[in-house]
Amino acid sequence: MHEYFDYTQAAEKAKISPGDLATLRKHVENIYPSRMLREMHLYTICTDIGQGKLTVAEALLPPPASGKLPDISNLRLGG
């Protein structure tokens, strides 16, 4: 169930199986501390998969070795 970003609908459009979505959700939960960040990244991942920019396998790669998360301070949503 989503609260901030409807990643489930994005996953359906991208034809991501329920099992793969559950795996992606667990992966993202281990990386991002807040629910909003998790849902935002799941939405982005599902959208990118649907557009052919990313595969499920690529999305499951570990974060960069530096341990730094991407800078999203300049992220603009919806436009």
C-alpha atoms as a PDB file:
ATOM      1  CA  MET A   1       0.000   0.000   0.000  1.00  0.00           C
ATOM      2  CA  HIS A   2       1.319   3.410  -0.924  1.00  0.00           C
ATOM      3  CA  GLU A   3       0.913   6.703   0.902  1.00  0.00           C
ATOM      4  CA  TYR A   4       2.930   9.196  -1.156  1.00  0.00           C
ATOM      5  CA  PHE A   5       3.627   7.753  -4.630  1.00  0.00           C
ATOM      6  CA  ASP A   6       1.472   5.189  -6.436  1.00  0.00           C
ATOM      7  CA  TYR A   7       4.305   2.830  -7.354  1.00  0.00           C
ATOM      8  CA  THR A   8       1.899  -0.116  -7.562  1.00  0.00           C
ATOM      9  CA  GLN A   9       0.128   1.392 -10.554  1.00  0.00           C
ATOM     10  CA  ALA A  10       3.503   2.202 -12.153  1.00  0.00           C
ATOM     11  CA  ALA A  11       4.540  -1.437 -11.587  1.00  0.00           C
ATOM     12  CA  GLU A  12       1.351  -2.710 -13.242  1.00  0.00           C
ATOM     13  CA  LYS A  13       1.922  -0.456 -16.262  1.00  0.00           C
ATOM     14  CA  ALA A  14       5.516  -1.709 -16.477  1.00  0.00           C
ATOM     15  CA  LYS A  15       4.294  -5.323 -16.263  1.00  0.00           C
ATOM     16  CA  ILE A  16       6.410  -6.001 -13.166  1.00  0.00           C
ATOM     17  CA  SER A  17       5.270  -9.196 -11.485  1.00  0.00           C
ATOM     18  CA  PRO A  18       4.024  -9.064  -7.880  1.00  0.00           C
ATOM     19  CA  GLY A  19       7.017 -11.175  -6.847  1.00  0.00           C
ATOM     20  CA  ASP A  20       9.506  -8.839  -8.515  1.00  0.00           C
ATOM     21  CA  LEU A  21       7.776  -5.821  -6.982  1.00  0.00           C
ATOM     22  CA  ALA A  22       8.031  -7.407  -3.531  1.00  0.00           C
ATOM     23  CA  THR A  23      11.743  -8.037  -4.121  1.00  0.00           C
ATOM     24  CA  LEU A  24      12.271  -4.447  -5.259  1.00  0.00           C
ATOM     25  CA  ARG A  25      10.349  -3.175  -2.225  1.00  0.00           C
ATOM     26  CA  LYS A  26      12.537  -5.164   0.179  1.00  0.00           C
ATOM     27  CA  HIS A  27      15.677  -3.959  -1.600  1.00  0.00           C
ATOM     28  CA  VAL A  28      14.636  -0.310  -1.381  1.00  0.00           C
ATOM     29  CA  GLU A  29      13.565  -0.682   2.275  1.00  0.00           C
ATOM     30  CA  ASN A  30      17.117  -1.716   3.115  1.00  0.00           C
ATOM     31  CA  ILE A  31      18.546   1.452   1.542  1.00  0.00           C
ATOM     32  CA  TYR A  32      16.192   4.354   2.273  1.00  0.00           C
ATOM     33  CA  PRO A  33      15.093   5.257   5.794  1.00  0.00           C
ATOM     34  CA  SER A  34      11.818   7.073   5.178  1.00  0.00           C
ATOM     35  CA  ARG A  35       8.620   5.785   3.649  1.00  0.00           C
ATOM     36  CA  MET A  36       8.394   8.770   1.313  1.00  0.00           C
ATOM     37  CA  LEU A  37      11.893   8.123  -0.084  1.00  0.00           C
ATOM     38  CA  ARG A  38      11.171   4.421  -0.493  1.00  0.00           C
ATOM     39  CA  GLU A  39       7.935   5.081  -2.374  1.00  0.00           C
ATOM     40  CA  MET A  40       9.540   7.771  -4.542  1.00  0.00           C
ATOM     41  CA  HIS A  41      12.376   5.457  -5.530  1.00  0.00           C
ATOM     42  CA  LEU A  42      10.021   2.540  -6.152  1.00  0.00           C
ATOM     43  CA  TYR A  43       7.892   4.765  -8.377  1.00  0.00           C
ATOM     44  CA  THR A  44      10.983   5.936 -10.290  1.00  0.00           C
ATOM     45  CA  ILE A  45      12.328   2.399 -10.635  1.00  0.00           C
ATOM     46  CA  CYS A  46       9.002   1.049 -11.898  1.00  0.00           C
ATOM     47  CA  THR A  47       8.616   3.928 -14.346  1.00  0.00           C
ATOM     48  CA  ASP A  48      12.164   3.463 -15.647  1.00  0.00           C
ATOM     49  CA  ILE A  49      11.585  -0.272 -16.095  1.00  0.00           C
ATOM     50  CA  GLY A  50       8.377   0.464 -17.999  1.00  0.00           C
ATOM     51  CA  GLN A  51      10.257   2.861 -20.280  1.00  0.00           C
ATOM     52  CA  GLY A  52      13.039   0.339 -20.917  1.00  0.00           C
ATOM     53  CA  LYS A  53      15.669   2.463 -19.151  1.00  0.00           C
ATOM     54  CA  LEU A  54      16.289  -0.120 -16.423  1.00  0.00           C
ATOM     55  CA  THR A  55      15.776  -3.806 -15.734  1.00  0.00           C
ATOM     56  CA  VAL A  56      14.696  -5.421 -12.475  1.00  0.00           C
ATOM     57  CA  ALA A  57      18.170  -6.973 -12.198  1.00  0.00           C
ATOM     58  CA  GLU A  58      19.844  -3.577 -12.589  1.00  0.00           C
ATOM     59  CA  ALA A  59      17.521  -2.038 -10.005  1.00  0.00           C
ATOM     60  CA  LEU A  60      18.592  -4.705  -7.504  1.00  0.00           C
ATOM     61  CA  LEU A  61      22.290  -3.833  -7.741  1.00  0.00           C
ATOM     62  CA  PRO A  62      23.774  -2.637  -4.442  1.00  0.00           C
ATOM     63  CA  PRO A  63      24.202   1.087  -3.839  1.00  0.00           C
ATOM     64  CA  PRO A  64      27.556   2.664  -4.760  1.00  0.00           C
ATOM     65  CA  ALA A  65      30.541   1.414  -2.778  1.00  0.00           C
ATOM     66  CA  SER A  66      31.054   4.905  -1.386  1.00  0.00           C
ATOM     67  CA  GLY A  67      27.905   4.380   0.647  1.00  0.00           C
ATOM     68  CA  LYS A  68      26.639   7.763  -0.481  1.00  0.00           C
ATOM     69  CA  LEU A  69      23.078   8.047  -1.646  1.00  0.00           C
ATOM     70  CA  PRO A  70      22.283  10.101  -4.741  1.00  0.00           C
ATOM     71  CA  ASP A  71      21.784  13.828  -4.190  1.00  0.00           C
ATOM     72  CA  ILE A  72      18.080  14.435  -4.694  1.00  0.00           C
ATOM     73  CA  SER A  73      18.027  17.992  -3.326  1.00  0.00           C
ATOM     74  CA  ASN A  74      17.405  19.430  -6.797  1.00  0.00           C
ATOM     75  CA  LEU A  75      14.868  16.795  -7.841  1.00  0.00           C
ATOM     76  CA  ARG A  76      11.783  18.261  -9.503  1.00  0.00           C
ATOM     77  CA  LEU A  77       8.695  16.098  -9.501  1.00  0.00           C
ATOM     78  CA  GLY A  78       5.896  16.278 -11.974  1.00  0.00           C
ATOM     79  CA  GLY A  79       7.471  18.354 -14.565  1.00  0.00           C
END
